[in-house]
Amino acid sequence: MRMVYFAWVREQVGVPEEDVAPPAAVVTIADLVDWLAGRSEAHATAFARRDRLRAARDQEFVPLNTPIDGAAEIAIFPPVTGG
């Protein structure tokens, strides 16, 4: 699965995207965030405040409790504001 990071999440993780193969126990995006936080100190810092994260599953905005269900891409980013 391809992970894509935007804005300060990308800055904290240190890469714009990465390919990951989470274990079968990871079934929701929230589970994925928890699993990713264990990959490195940078990931842990980026995902420390889940309330400051938003997600998209295959380019559709979704809540963090959304099942992964074979998604090709998950994007993680801070809240988006517009003007």
Protein backbone atom coordinates (compact mmCIF):
# COMPACT_ATOMS: atom_id res chain seq x y z
CA MET A 1 0.00 0.00 0.00
CA ARG A 2 1.26 3.45 -0.80
CA MET A 3 1.32 6.03 1.99
CA VAL A 4 1.34 9.69 1.00
CA TYR A 5 2.10 12.47 3.47
CA PHE A 6 1.37 16.18 3.13
CA ALA A 7 2.43 19.44 4.80
CA TRP A 8 3.93 19.15 8.30
CA VAL A 9 3.19 15.39 8.39
CA ARG A 10 5.59 14.97 5.44
CA GLU A 11 8.15 17.21 7.14
CA GLN A 12 7.98 15.17 10.35
CA VAL A 13 8.12 11.75 8.67
CA GLY A 14 10.91 12.93 6.37
CA VAL A 15 9.56 11.47 3.12
CA PRO A 16 6.64 12.45 0.87
CA GLU A 17 5.52 8.85 0.39
CA GLU A 18 6.44 5.25 1.16
CA ASP A 19 5.23 1.76 0.38
CA VAL A 20 4.19 -0.27 3.42
CA ALA A 21 2.85 -3.76 4.09
CA PRO A 22 1.03 -3.60 7.42
CA PRO A 23 0.17 -6.83 9.26
CA ALA A 24 -3.29 -8.36 8.98
CA ALA A 25 -4.29 -6.95 12.39
CA VAL A 26 -4.22 -3.43 10.88
CA VAL A 27 -7.76 -3.04 9.56
CA THR A 28 -8.58 0.68 9.85
CA ILE A 29 -6.68 3.84 9.06
CA ALA A 30 -6.46 4.49 12.81
CA ASP A 31 -4.79 1.08 13.24
CA LEU A 32 -2.46 1.98 10.39
CA VAL A 33 -1.51 5.28 12.05
CA ASP A 34 -0.74 3.40 15.28
CA TRP A 35 1.36 0.85 13.40
CA LEU A 36 3.20 3.54 11.44
CA ALA A 37 3.99 5.41 14.67
CA GLY A 38 6.07 2.40 15.71
CA ARG A 39 8.24 2.49 12.57
CA SER A 40 10.54 5.29 13.68
CA GLU A 41 10.87 8.23 16.02
CA ALA A 42 9.97 10.55 13.13
CA HIS A 43 6.75 8.61 12.48
CA ALA A 44 5.93 8.63 16.20
CA THR A 45 6.29 12.40 16.30
CA ALA A 46 4.22 12.92 13.15
CA PHE A 47 1.36 10.74 14.43
CA ALA A 48 1.45 11.70 18.12
CA ARG A 49 -1.68 13.89 17.91
CA ARG A 50 -4.27 11.90 16.04
CA ASP A 51 -6.80 14.73 16.55
CA ARG A 52 -4.62 16.82 14.23
CA LEU A 53 -4.67 14.28 11.38
CA ARG A 54 -6.98 13.80 8.44
CA ALA A 55 -6.97 10.97 5.91
CA ALA A 56 -7.94 10.03 2.39
CA ARG A 57 -8.44 6.47 1.12
CA ASP A 58 -7.78 6.18 -2.60
CA GLN A 59 -8.15 9.99 -2.90
CA GLU A 60 -11.47 10.23 -1.03
CA PHE A 61 -11.62 12.04 2.33
CA VAL A 62 -12.55 9.61 5.10
CA PRO A 63 -12.52 9.45 8.91
CA LEU A 64 -9.65 7.64 10.63
CA ASN A 65 -11.93 4.76 11.65
CA THR A 66 -12.46 3.83 7.98
CA PRO A 67 -11.45 0.27 7.05
CA ILE A 68 -8.46 -0.07 4.76
CA ASP A 69 -10.14 -2.87 2.74
CA GLY A 70 -7.39 -3.28 0.15
CA ALA A 71 -6.83 0.42 -0.48
CA ALA A 72 -4.06 1.19 -2.96
CA GLU A 73 -3.25 4.55 -1.34
CA ILE A 74 -3.75 6.19 2.04
CA ALA A 75 -2.91 9.88 2.45
CA ILE A 76 -2.34 11.50 5.83
CA PHE A 77 -2.40 15.27 6.22
CA PRO A 78 -3.26 18.06 8.64
CA PRO A 79 -6.72 19.68 8.61
CA VAL A 80 -7.31 21.63 5.44
CA THR A 81 -8.63 25.18 5.49
CA GLY A 82 -9.71 27.31 2.60
CA GLY A 83 -10.29 30.90 1.88
